[in-house]
PDB file of N, CA and C in Angstrom:
ATOM      1  N   MET A   1      91.768 108.160 115.363  1.00  0.00           N
ATOM      2  CA  MET A   1      90.781 107.422 115.930  1.00  0.00           C
ATOM      3  C   MET A   1      90.555 105.697 114.910  1.00  0.00           C
ATOM      4  N   ALA A   2      90.782 104.768 115.276  1.00  0.00           N
ATOM      5  CA  ALA A   2      91.185 103.360 114.791  1.00  0.00           C
ATOM      6  C   ALA A   2      89.707 103.481 113.835  1.00  0.00           C
ATOM      7  N   VAL A   3      90.667 102.270 112.378  1.00  0.00           N
ATOM      8  CA  VAL A   3      89.406 102.593 112.277  1.00  0.00           C
ATOM      9  C   VAL A   3      88.565 101.066 111.835  1.00  0.00           C
ATOM     10  N   ASN A   4      87.336 100.529 112.287  1.00  0.00           N
ATOM     11  CA  ASN A   4      86.676  99.002 112.635  1.00  0.00           C
ATOM     12  C   ASN A   4      86.758  98.270 110.954  1.00  0.00           C
ATOM     13  N   PRO A   5      87.566  97.381 111.285  1.00  0.00           N
ATOM     14  CA  PRO A   5      87.809  96.935 109.326  1.00  0.00           C
ATOM     15  C   PRO A   5      86.313  95.945 109.349  1.00  0.00           C
ATOM     16  N   ASP A   6      85.489  95.870 110.738  1.00  0.00           N
ATOM     17  CA  ASP A   6      84.227  95.062 110.254  1.00  0.00           C
ATOM     18  C   ASP A   6      82.991  95.941 110.087  1.00  0.00           C
ATOM     19  N   GLU A   7      83.638  97.429 109.953  1.00  0.00           N
ATOM     20  CA  GLU A   7      82.483  98.055 110.199  1.00  0.00           C
ATOM     21  C   GLU A   7      81.859  98.509 108.845  1.00  0.00           C
ATOM     22  N   PRO A   8      81.004  97.977 108.562  1.00  0.00           N
ATOM     23  CA  PRO A   8      79.659  98.021 106.867  1.00  0.00           C
ATOM     24  C   PRO A   8      79.926  99.443 106.319  1.00  0.00           C
ATOM     25  N   VAL A   9      80.776  99.596 105.497  1.00  0.00           N
ATOM     26  CA  VAL A   9      80.754 100.977 104.852  1.00  0.00           C
ATOM     27  C   VAL A   9      80.938 101.037 103.117  1.00  0.00           C
ATOM     28  N   TYR A  10      80.792 100.091 103.123  1.00  0.00           N
ATOM     29  CA  TYR A  10      80.928 100.890 100.999  1.00  0.00           C
ATOM     30  C   TYR A  10      79.953  99.749 100.132  1.00  0.00           C
ATOM     31  N   VAL A  11      78.855 100.510  99.786  1.00  0.00           N
ATOM     32  CA  VAL A  11      77.884  99.838  98.427  1.00  0.00           C
ATOM     33  C   VAL A  11      78.396  98.889  97.717  1.00  0.00           C
ATOM     34  N   ILE A  12      77.634  98.295  96.664  1.00  0.00           N
ATOM     35  CA  ILE A  12      78.363  97.456  95.626  1.00  0.00           C
ATOM     36  C   ILE A  12      79.244  97.913  94.502  1.00  0.00           C
ATOM     37  N   SER A  13      78.186  99.009  94.328  1.00  0.00           N
ATOM     38  CA  SER A  13      79.130  99.828  93.250  1.00  0.00           C
ATOM     39  C   SER A  13      80.757 100.775  93.726  1.00  0.00           C
ATOM     40  N   VAL A  14      80.887 100.703  95.198  1.00  0.00           N
ATOM     41  CA  VAL A  14      81.983 101.491  95.168  1.00  0.00           C
ATOM     42  C   VAL A  14      82.853 100.366  95.800  1.00  0.00           C
ATOM     43  N   ALA A  15      82.494  99.089  96.564  1.00  0.00           N
ATOM     44  CA  ALA A  15      83.530  98.055  96.504  1.00  0.00           C
ATOM     45  C   ALA A  15      84.216  97.712  94.942  1.00  0.00           C
ATOM     46  N   ALA A  16      82.966  97.656  94.498  1.00  0.00           N
ATOM     47  CA  ALA A  16      83.257  96.700  92.516  1.00  0.00           C
ATOM     48  C   ALA A  16      84.460  97.898  92.388  1.00  0.00           C
ATOM     49  N   ARG A  17      84.039  99.490  92.364  1.00  0.00           N
ATOM     50  CA  ARG A  17      84.994 100.238  91.948  1.00  0.00           C
ATOM     51  C   ARG A  17      86.490 100.248  92.486  1.00  0.00           C
ATOM     52  N   MET A  18      85.897 100.174  93.547  1.00  0.00           N
ATOM     53  CA  MET A  18      87.344 100.231  94.497  1.00  0.00           C
ATOM     54  C   MET A  18      88.629  98.609  94.094  1.00  0.00           C
ATOM     55  N   LEU A  19      88.322  97.702  93.931  1.00  0.00           N
ATOM     56  CA  LEU A  19      88.369  96.277  93.666  1.00  0.00           C
ATOM     57  C   LEU A  19      88.313  96.131  91.993  1.00  0.00           C
ATOM     58  N   ARG A  20      88.181  97.011  90.825  1.00  0.00           N
ATOM     59  CA  ARG A  20      88.355  96.847  89.650  1.00  0.00           C
ATOM     60  C   ARG A  20      87.483  95.906  89.308  1.00  0.00           C
ATOM     61  N   VAL A  21      86.623  95.340  89.473  1.00  0.00           N
ATOM     62  CA  VAL A  21      85.458  93.806  89.236  1.00  0.00           C
ATOM     63  C   VAL A  21      84.341  95.147  88.977  1.00  0.00           C
ATOM     64  N   HIS A  22      83.375  93.291  87.982  1.00  0.00           N
ATOM     65  CA  HIS A  22      81.714  94.271  87.992  1.00  0.00           C
ATOM     66  C   HIS A  22      81.029  93.467  89.382  1.00  0.00           C
ATOM     67  N   PRO A  23      80.061  94.924  89.748  1.00  0.00           N
ATOM     68  CA  PRO A  23      79.246  94.347  90.618  1.00  0.00           C
ATOM     69  C   PRO A  23      78.865  93.045  90.661  1.00  0.00           C
ATOM     70  N   GLN A  24      78.337  92.355  89.151  1.00  0.00           N
ATOM     71  CA  GLN A  24      78.111  91.391  89.737  1.00  0.00           C
ATOM     72  C   GLN A  24      79.192  89.900  90.164  1.00  0.00           C
ATOM     73  N   THR A  25      80.421  90.748  90.093  1.00  0.00           N
ATOM     74  CA  THR A  25      81.416  89.669  90.353  1.00  0.00           C
ATOM     75  C   THR A  25      80.968  89.474  91.848  1.00  0.00           C
ATOM     76  N   LEU A  26      80.745  90.395  92.585  1.00  0.00           N
ATOM     77  CA  LEU A  26      81.236  90.483  94.102  1.00  0.00           C
ATOM     78  C   LEU A  26      79.694  89.851  94.523  1.00  0.00           C
ATOM     79  N   ARG A  27      78.742  90.018  93.309  1.00  0.00           N
ATOM     80  CA  ARG A  27      77.238  89.203  93.991  1.00  0.00           C
ATOM     81  C   ARG A  27      77.685  87.233  93.800  1.00  0.00           C
ATOM     82  N   MET A  28      78.480  87.517  92.654  1.00  0.00           N
ATOM     83  CA  MET A  28      78.662  85.913  92.720  1.00  0.00           C
ATOM     84  C   MET A  28      79.061  85.253  93.398  1.00  0.00           C
ATOM     85  N   TYR A  29      80.560  86.050  94.077  1.00  0.00           N
ATOM     86  CA  TYR A  29      80.949  85.655  95.357  1.00  0.00           C
ATOM     87  C   TYR A  29      79.990  85.443  96.508  1.00  0.00           C
ATOM     88  N   GLU A  30      79.547  86.137  96.700  1.00  0.00           N
ATOM     89  CA  GLU A  30      78.575  86.112  97.436  1.00  0.00           C
ATOM     90  C   GLU A  30      77.824  85.150  97.228  1.00  0.00           C
ATOM     91  N   ARG A  31      77.028  84.643  96.270  1.00  0.00           N
ATOM     92  CA  ARG A  31      76.304  83.400  95.775  1.00  0.00           C
ATOM     93  C   ARG A  31      76.858  82.280  96.089  1.00  0.00           C
ATOM     94  N   VAL A  32      78.222  82.332  95.945  1.00  0.00           N
ATOM     95  CA  VAL A  32      78.502  80.652  96.912  1.00  0.00           C
ATOM     96  C   VAL A  32      79.816  81.008  98.210  1.00  0.00           C
ATOM     97  N   GLY A  33      79.421  82.040  98.793  1.00  0.00           N
ATOM     98  CA  GLY A  33      79.523  81.398 100.101  1.00  0.00           C
ATOM     99  C   GLY A  33      80.798  82.454 100.183  1.00  0.00           C
ATOM    100  N   LEU A  34      81.424  83.093  99.416  1.00  0.00           N
ATOM    101  CA  LEU A  34      82.700  83.253  99.474  1.00  0.00           C
ATOM    102  C   LEU A  34      83.200  84.757 100.363  1.00  0.00           C
ATOM    103  N   VAL A  35      82.060  85.115 100.244  1.00  0.00           N
ATOM    104  CA  VAL A  35      82.117  86.491 101.282  1.00  0.00           C
ATOM    105  C   VAL A  35      80.407  87.089 101.591  1.00  0.00           C
ATOM    106  N   HIS A  36      80.354  87.507 102.753  1.00  0.00           N
ATOM    107  CA  HIS A  36      79.012  88.077 103.163  1.00  0.00           C
ATOM    108  C   HIS A  36      78.974  89.264 103.695  1.00  0.00           C
ATOM    109  N   PRO A  37      78.663  89.953 102.821  1.00  0.00           N
ATOM    110  CA  PRO A  37      78.502  91.778 103.282  1.00  0.00           C
ATOM    111  C   PRO A  37      77.280  91.550 104.633  1.00  0.00           C
ATOM    112  N   GLN A  38      77.422  92.877 105.022  1.00  0.00           N
ATOM    113  CA  GLN A  38      76.422  93.591 105.712  1.00  0.00           C
ATOM    114  C   GLN A  38      75.386  93.653 104.983  1.00  0.00           C
ATOM    115  N   ARG A  39      74.244  93.822 105.921  1.00  0.00           N
ATOM    116  CA  ARG A  39      72.901  94.703 104.845  1.00  0.00           C
ATOM    117  C   ARG A  39      72.073  95.100 105.758  1.00  0.00           C
ATOM    118  N   SER A  40      71.904  96.353 104.682  1.00  0.00           N
ATOM    119  CA  SER A  40      71.135  97.680 105.693  1.00  0.00           C
ATOM    120  C   SER A  40      69.754  97.532 105.529  1.00  0.00           C
ATOM    121  N   GLN A  41      69.339  98.045 106.237  1.00  0.00           N
ATOM    122  CA  GLN A  41      68.067  97.964 106.727  1.00  0.00           C
ATOM    123  C   GLN A  41      67.142  98.112 105.196  1.00  0.00           C
ATOM    124  N   ALA A  42      67.397  98.359 104.188  1.00  0.00           N
ATOM    125  CA  ALA A  42      66.987  98.842 103.124  1.00  0.00           C
ATOM    126  C   ALA A  42      67.288  97.133 102.714  1.00  0.00           C
ATOM    127  N   ASN A  43      68.303  96.136 102.832  1.00  0.00           N
ATOM    128  CA  ASN A  43      68.511  95.391 101.539  1.00  0.00           C
ATOM    129  C   ASN A  43      69.907  95.694 101.119  1.00  0.00           C
ATOM    130  N   ILE A  44      70.409  97.101 101.253  1.00  0.00           N
ATOM    131  CA  ILE A  44      71.424  96.683 100.697  1.00  0.00           C
ATOM    132  C   ILE A  44      72.780  96.496 101.183  1.00  0.00           C
ATOM    133  N   ARG A  45      73.736  95.676 100.365  1.00  0.00           N
ATOM    134  CA  ARG A  45      74.664  95.165 100.564  1.00  0.00           C
ATOM    135  C   ARG A  45      75.668  96.043 100.749  1.00  0.00           C
ATOM    136  N   LEU A  46      76.729  95.731 102.127  1.00  0.00           N
ATOM    137  CA  LEU A  46      77.726  96.722 102.458  1.00  0.00           C
ATOM    138  C   LEU A  46      78.991  95.949 103.199  1.00  0.00           C
ATOM    139  N   TYR A  47      79.732  96.752 102.349  1.00  0.00           N
ATOM    140  CA  TYR A  47      81.098  96.081 102.578  1.00  0.00           C
ATOM    141  C   TYR A  47      81.936  96.773 103.085  1.00  0.00           C
ATOM    142  N   SER A  48      83.007  96.069 104.047  1.00  0.00           N
ATOM    143  CA  SER A  48      83.594  97.007 105.294  1.00  0.00           C
ATOM    144  C   SER A  48      84.668  96.397 104.458  1.00  0.00           C
ATOM    145  N   GLU A  49      85.890  96.861 105.250  1.00  0.00           N
ATOM    146  CA  GLU A  49      87.371  96.760 104.753  1.00  0.00           C
ATOM    147  C   GLU A  49      87.822  95.405 105.356  1.00  0.00           C
ATOM    148  N   GLY A  50      87.758  94.853 106.513  1.00  0.00           N
ATOM    149  CA  GLY A  50      87.644  93.864 106.375  1.00  0.00           C
ATOM    150  C   GLY A  50      87.354  93.023 105.214  1.00  0.00           C
ATOM    151  N   ASP A  51      85.873  92.857 104.319  1.00  0.00           N
ATOM    152  CA  ASP A  51      85.612  92.457 103.115  1.00  0.00           C
ATOM    153  C   ASP A  51      86.171  92.523 102.220  1.00  0.00           C
ATOM    154  N   LEU A  52      86.312  93.823 101.606  1.00  0.00           N
ATOM    155  CA  LEU A  52      87.542  93.739 101.008  1.00  0.00           C
ATOM    156  C   LEU A  52      89.086  93.863 100.811  1.00  0.00           C
ATOM    157  N   GLU A  53      89.043  93.595 101.855  1.00  0.00           N
ATOM    158  CA  GLU A  53      91.064  92.716 102.191  1.00  0.00           C
ATOM    159  C   GLU A  53      90.130  91.342 101.728  1.00  0.00           C
ATOM    160  N   ARG A  54      89.549  90.906 102.584  1.00  0.00           N
ATOM    161  CA  ARG A  54      89.172  89.256 101.828  1.00  0.00           C
ATOM    162  C   ARG A  54      88.938  89.094 100.319  1.00  0.00           C
ATOM    163  N   LEU A  55      88.118  90.040  99.500  1.00  0.00           N
ATOM    164  CA  LEU A  55      87.588  90.237  98.608  1.00  0.00           C
ATOM    165  C   LEU A  55      89.445  89.871  97.499  1.00  0.00           C
ATOM    166  N   ARG A  56      90.684  91.168  98.287  1.00  0.00           N
ATOM    167  CA  ARG A  56      91.636  91.146  97.424  1.00  0.00           C
ATOM    168  C   ARG A  56      92.542  89.388  97.596  1.00  0.00           C
ATOM    169  N   HIS A  57      92.415  88.610  98.645  1.00  0.00           N
ATOM    170  CA  HIS A  57      92.678  87.821  98.982  1.00  0.00           C
ATOM    171  C   HIS A  57      92.086  86.717  97.827  1.00  0.00           C
ATOM    172  N   ILE A  58      91.004  86.892  97.780  1.00  0.00           N
ATOM    173  CA  ILE A  58      90.372  86.115  96.459  1.00  0.00           C
ATOM    174  C   ILE A  58      90.957  86.281  95.045  1.00  0.00           C
ATOM    175  N   GLN A  59      91.148  87.697  95.281  1.00  0.00           N
ATOM    176  CA  GLN A  59      91.505  87.806  93.594  1.00  0.00           C
ATOM    177  C   GLN A  59      92.754  87.251  93.275  1.00  0.00           C
ATOM    178  N   ARG A  60      93.824  87.934  94.077  1.00  0.00           N
ATOM    179  CA  ARG A  60      94.793  87.278  94.277  1.00  0.00           C
ATOM    180  C   ARG A  60      95.233  85.704  94.369  1.00  0.00           C
ATOM    181  N   LEU A  61      94.438  84.788  94.526  1.00  0.00           N
ATOM    182  CA  LEU A  61      94.454  83.266  94.418  1.00  0.00           C
ATOM    183  C   LEU A  61      93.960  82.799  93.261  1.00  0.00           C
ATOM    184  N   THR A  62      92.993  83.631  92.842  1.00  0.00           N
ATOM    185  CA  THR A  62      92.248  83.259  91.365  1.00  0.00           C
ATOM    186  C   THR A  62      93.003  83.880  90.370  1.00  0.00           C
ATOM    187  N   ARG A  63      93.326  85.283  90.067  1.00  0.00           N
ATOM    188  CA  ARG A  63      94.259  86.005  89.061  1.00  0.00           C
ATOM    189  C   ARG A  63      95.559  85.443  88.990  1.00  0.00           C
ATOM    190  N   GLU A  64      95.987  85.815  90.076  1.00  0.00           N
ATOM    191  CA  GLU A  64      97.838  85.294  90.049  1.00  0.00           C
ATOM    192  C   GLU A  64      98.421  84.444  90.427  1.00  0.00           C
ATOM    193  N   LEU A  65      97.379  83.311  90.964  1.00  0.00           N
ATOM    194  CA  LEU A  65      97.565  81.596  91.121  1.00  0.00           C
ATOM    195  C   LEU A  65      96.561  80.698  90.544  1.00  0.00           C
ATOM    196  N   GLY A  66      95.707  81.165  89.807  1.00  0.00           N
ATOM    197  CA  GLY A  66      95.083  80.368  88.675  1.00  0.00           C
ATOM    198  C   GLY A  66      93.762  79.302  89.298  1.00  0.00           C
ATOM    199  N   VAL A  67      93.341  80.065  90.975  1.00  0.00           N
ATOM    200  CA  VAL A  67      92.550  78.907  91.752  1.00  0.00           C
ATOM    201  C   VAL A  67      91.121  78.927  91.219  1.00  0.00           C
ATOM    202  N   ASN A  68      90.692  78.118  90.961  1.00  0.00           N
ATOM    203  CA  ASN A  68      89.029  78.769  91.124  1.00  0.00           C
ATOM    204  C   ASN A  68      88.380  78.441  92.185  1.00  0.00           C
ATOM    205  N   LEU A  69      87.238  78.720  92.199  1.00  0.00           N
ATOM    206  CA  LEU A  69      86.374  79.338  93.534  1.00  0.00           C
ATOM    207  C   LEU A  69      85.619  78.161  93.926  1.00  0.00           C
ATOM    208  N   ALA A  70      85.654  76.817  93.893  1.00  0.00           N
ATOM    209  CA  ALA A  70      85.709  75.451  94.730  1.00  0.00           C
ATOM    210  C   ALA A  70      87.008  75.777  95.708  1.00  0.00           C
ATOM    211  N   GLY A  71      88.252  75.592  94.661  1.00  0.00           N
ATOM    212  CA  GLY A  71      89.537  75.997  95.586  1.00  0.00           C
ATOM    213  C   GLY A  71      89.692  77.471  96.373  1.00  0.00           C
ATOM    214  N   VAL A  72      89.063  78.119  95.945  1.00  0.00           N
ATOM    215  CA  VAL A  72      89.548  79.308  97.084  1.00  0.00           C
ATOM    216  C   VAL A  72      88.376  78.888  98.241  1.00  0.00           C
ATOM    217  N   GLU A  73      87.387  78.319  98.306  1.00  0.00           N
ATOM    218  CA  GLU A  73      86.499  78.294  99.237  1.00  0.00           C
ATOM    219  C   GLU A  73      87.380  77.331 100.713  1.00  0.00           C
ATOM    220  N   ILE A  74      87.898  76.196  99.498  1.00  0.00           N
ATOM    221  CA  ILE A  74      88.836  75.561 100.691  1.00  0.00           C
ATOM    222  C   ILE A  74      89.698  76.460 101.103  1.00  0.00           C
ATOM    223  N   ILE A  75      90.611  76.927 100.128  1.00  0.00           N
ATOM    224  CA  ILE A  75      91.676  77.774 100.752  1.00  0.00           C
ATOM    225  C   ILE A  75      91.333  78.511 101.704  1.00  0.00           C
ATOM    226  N   LEU A  76      90.117  79.359 101.757  1.00  0.00           N
ATOM    227  CA  LEU A  76      89.813  80.256 103.038  1.00  0.00           C
ATOM    228  C   LEU A  76      89.790  79.528 103.706  1.00  0.00           C
ATOM    229  N   ASP A  77      88.707  78.586 103.958  1.00  0.00           N
ATOM    230  CA  ASP A  77      88.406  77.886 105.182  1.00  0.00           C
ATOM    231  C   ASP A  77      89.522  77.000 105.639  1.00  0.00           C
ATOM    232  N   LEU A  78      90.369  76.242 105.021  1.00  0.00           N
ATOM    233  CA  LEU A  78      91.300  76.295 105.957  1.00  0.00           C
ATOM    234  C   LEU A  78      92.063  77.209 106.348  1.00  0.00           C
ATOM    235  N   LEU A  79      92.284  78.668 105.792  1.00  0.00           N
ATOM    236  CA  LEU A  79      93.143  79.367 106.144  1.00  0.00           C
ATOM    237  C   LEU A  79      92.229  79.705 107.882  1.00  0.00           C
ATOM    238  N   GLY A  80      91.167  80.094 107.939  1.00  0.00           N
ATOM    239  CA  GLY A  80      90.057  80.035 108.944  1.00  0.00           C
ATOM    240  C   GLY A  80      90.351  79.101 110.250  1.00  0.00           C
ATOM    241  N   LYS A  81      90.303  78.272 109.456  1.00  0.00           N
ATOM    242  CA  LYS A  81      90.570  77.186 110.755  1.00  0.00           C
ATOM    243  C   LYS A  81      91.998  77.114 111.281  1.00  0.00           C
ATOM    244  N   MET A  82      93.051  78.138 110.314  1.00  0.00           N
ATOM    245  CA  MET A  82      94.480  77.596 111.277  1.00  0.00           C
ATOM    246  C   MET A  82      95.042  79.049 111.685  1.00  0.00           C
ATOM    247  N   GLU A  83      93.672  79.739 111.482  1.00  0.00           N
ATOM    248  CA  GLU A  83      93.703  81.485 112.430  1.00  0.00           C
ATOM    249  C   GLU A  83      93.500  80.591 113.397  1.00  0.00           C
ATOM    250  N   ALA A  84      92.254  80.397 114.189  1.00  0.00           N
ATOM    251  CA  ALA A  84      91.253  80.078 115.260  1.00  0.00           C
ATOM    252  C   ALA A  84      92.240  79.114 116.168  1.00  0.00           C
ATOM    253  N   LEU A  85      92.444  78.154 115.055  1.00  0.00           N
ATOM    254  CA  LEU A  85      94.044  77.210 115.809  1.00  0.00           C
ATOM    255  C   LEU A  85      94.823  78.056 116.790  1.00  0.00           C
ATOM    256  N   GLN A  86      95.398  78.904 115.594  1.00  0.00           N
ATOM    257  CA  GLN A  86      96.659  79.843 116.528  1.00  0.00           C
ATOM    258  C   GLN A  86      96.499  81.084 117.440  1.00  0.00           C
ATOM    259  N   ARG A  87      94.891  81.090 117.191  1.00  0.00           N
ATOM    260  CA  ARG A  87      94.232  81.901 118.464  1.00  0.00           C
ATOM    261  C   ARG A  87      94.094  80.974 119.841  1.00  0.00           C
ATOM    262  N   ARG A  88      93.982  79.552 119.573  1.00  0.00           N
ATOM    263  CA  ARG A  88      93.814  78.838 120.860  1.00  0.00           C
ATOM    264  C   ARG A  88      94.735  78.546 121.635  1.00  0.00           C
ATOM    265  N   VAL A  89      95.938  78.492 120.362  1.00  0.00           N
ATOM    266  CA  VAL A  89      97.273  77.876 120.836  1.00  0.00           C
ATOM    267  C   VAL A  89      97.907  79.210 121.357  1.00  0.00           C
ATOM    268  N   GLN A  90      97.673  80.386 121.094  1.00  0.00           N
ATOM    269  CA  GLN A  90      98.268  81.777 122.081  1.00  0.00           C
ATOM    270  C   GLN A  90      97.485  81.989 123.128  1.00  0.00           C
ATOM    271  N   ALA A  91      96.363  81.487 123.445  1.00  0.00           N
ATOM    272  CA  ALA A  91      95.491  81.645 124.613  1.00  0.00           C
ATOM    273  C   ALA A  91      95.950  80.552 125.636  1.00  0.00           C
ATOM    274  N   GLU A  92      96.396  79.102 125.130  1.00  0.00           N
ATOM    275  CA  GLU A  92      96.911  78.523 126.094  1.00  0.00           C
ATOM    276  C   GLU A  92      98.226  79.056 126.023  1.00  0.00           C
ATOM    277  N   MET A  93      98.939  79.430 125.230  1.00  0.00           N
ATOM    278  CA  MET A  93     100.479  79.922 125.516  1.00  0.00           C
ATOM    279  C   MET A  93     100.373  80.719 127.110  1.00  0.00           C
ATOM    280  N   ARG A  94      99.363  81.871 126.443  1.00  0.00           N
ATOM    281  CA  ARG A  94      98.808  82.822 127.702  1.00  0.00           C
ATOM    282  C   ARG A  94      98.697  82.332 129.017  1.00  0.00           C
ATOM    283  N   ARG A  95      97.944  80.886 129.356  1.00  0.00           N
ATOM    284  CA  ARG A  95      97.655  80.485 130.586  1.00  0.00           C
ATOM    285  C   ARG A  95      98.379  79.832 131.078  1.00  0.00           C
ATOM    286  N   GLN A  96      99.403  79.143 130.193  1.00  0.00           N
ATOM    287  CA  GLN A  96     100.512  78.197 130.814  1.00  0.00           C
ATOM    288  C   GLN A  96     101.428  79.262 131.214  1.00  0.00           C
ATOM    289  N   ARG A  97     101.947  80.335 130.871  1.00  0.00           N
ATOM    290  CA  ARG A  97     102.640  81.901 131.338  1.00  0.00           C
ATOM    291  C   ARG A  97     102.321  82.027 132.371  1.00  0.00           C
ATOM    292  N   ARG A  98     101.052  82.656 132.449  1.00  0.00           N
ATOM    293  CA  ARG A  98      99.937  82.984 134.072  1.00  0.00           C
ATOM    294  C   ARG A  98     100.536  81.874 134.865  1.00  0.00           C
ATOM    295  N   GLU A  99     100.124  80.544 135.018  1.00  0.00           N
ATOM    296  CA  GLU A  99     100.457  79.456 135.767  1.00  0.00           C
ATOM    297  C   GLU A  99     101.626  79.627 136.258  1.00  0.00           C
ATOM    298  N   ILE A 100     103.006  79.687 135.676  1.00  0.00           N
ATOM    299  CA  ILE A 100     104.421  79.232 135.776  1.00  0.00           C
ATOM    300  C   ILE A 100     104.578  80.501 136.108  1.00  0.00           C
ATOM    301  N   GLU A 101     104.042  81.852 136.115  1.00  0.00           N
ATOM    302  CA  GLU A 101     104.898  82.809 136.954  1.00  0.00           C
ATOM    303  C   GLU A 101     103.956  82.798 137.755  1.00  0.00           C
ATOM    304  N   ARG A 102     102.789  82.229 138.310  1.00  0.00           N
ATOM    305  CA  ARG A 102     102.058  82.273 139.455  1.00  0.00           C
ATOM    306  C   ARG A 102     102.801  81.393 140.573  1.00  0.00           C
ATOM    307  N   GLU A 103     102.977  80.310 140.081  1.00  0.00           N
ATOM    308  CA  GLU A 103     103.895  79.175 140.503  1.00  0.00           C
ATOM    309  C   GLU A 103     105.250  79.752 140.891  1.00  0.00           C
ATOM    310  N   LEU A 104     106.126  80.423 140.253  1.00  0.00           N
ATOM    311  CA  LEU A 104     107.021  80.934 140.649  1.00  0.00           C
ATOM    312  C   LEU A 104     107.117  82.089 142.173  1.00  0.00           C
ATOM    313  N   ARG A 105     105.970  82.643 141.619  1.00  0.00           N
ATOM    314  CA  ARG A 105     106.020  83.566 142.636  1.00  0.00           C
ATOM    315  C   ARG A 105     105.179  83.066 143.923  1.00  0.00           C
ATOM    316  N   GLU A 106     104.464  82.146 144.342  1.00  0.00           N
ATOM    317  CA  GLU A 106     104.541  80.938 145.316  1.00  0.00           C
ATOM    318  C   GLU A 106     106.087  80.495 145.630  1.00  0.00           C
ATOM    319  N   GLU A 107     106.786  79.653 144.589  1.00  0.00           N
ATOM    320  CA  GLU A 107     107.733  79.396 145.104  1.00  0.00           C
ATOM    321  C   GLU A 107     108.943  80.426 146.132  1.00  0.00           C
ATOM    322  N   LEU A 108     108.610  81.612 145.256  1.00  0.00           N
ATOM    323  CA  LEU A 108     109.481  82.727 146.197  1.00  0.00           C
ATOM    324  C   LEU A 108     109.267  83.320 147.033  1.00  0.00           C
ATOM    325  N   LEU A 109     108.307  83.518 147.395  1.00  0.00           N
ATOM    326  CA  LEU A 109     107.619  83.788 148.504  1.00  0.00           C
ATOM    327  C   LEU A 109     107.322  82.747 149.791  1.00  0.00           C
ATOM    328  N   GLY A 110     107.633  81.397 149.545  1.00  0.00           N
ATOM    329  CA  GLY A 110     107.758  80.442 150.361  1.00  0.00           C
ATOM    330  C   GLY A 110     109.034  80.534 150.596  1.00  0.00           C
ATOM    331  N   GLU A 111     109.878  80.720 149.360  1.00  0.00           N
ATOM    332  CA  GLU A 111     111.504  80.764 150.379  1.00  0.00           C
ATOM    333  C   GLU A 111     112.255  81.958 151.343  1.00  0.00           C
ATOM    334  N   GLU A 112     111.382  82.667 150.821  1.00  0.00           N
ATOM    335  CA  GLU A 112     111.527  83.820 152.218  1.00  0.00           C
ATOM    336  C   GLU A 112     110.754  83.898 153.150  1.00  0.00           C
ATOM    337  N   ARG A 113     110.023  82.772 153.319  1.00  0.00           N
ATOM    338  CA  ARG A 113     109.506  81.891 154.838  1.00  0.00           C
ATOM    339  C   ARG A 113     110.835  82.203 155.640  1.00  0.00           C
TER     340      ARG A 113
END
């Protein structure tokens, strides 16, 4: 069974332990808008695998590349925009391919008559 990367499963203490950071670090990342964990009915932060991957990316940017949190925010925003644009381009390419295939089928059928 495939794991849904958006499924909220980890409370803050577990997520912090997995990332080897203090829970306060995760609270700060949320406060500045870098991560948006879901909340339970009891208002407990719940992190998904997708959240953890985003947090690992933030760690790489800050620790390995020395990017400050303002820079991380800009980088993540630009990456998100690039991914959205890539999805739009791929969707348009699929649409154009279907259109070309449809036109070829019509042309081939027309030649057979």
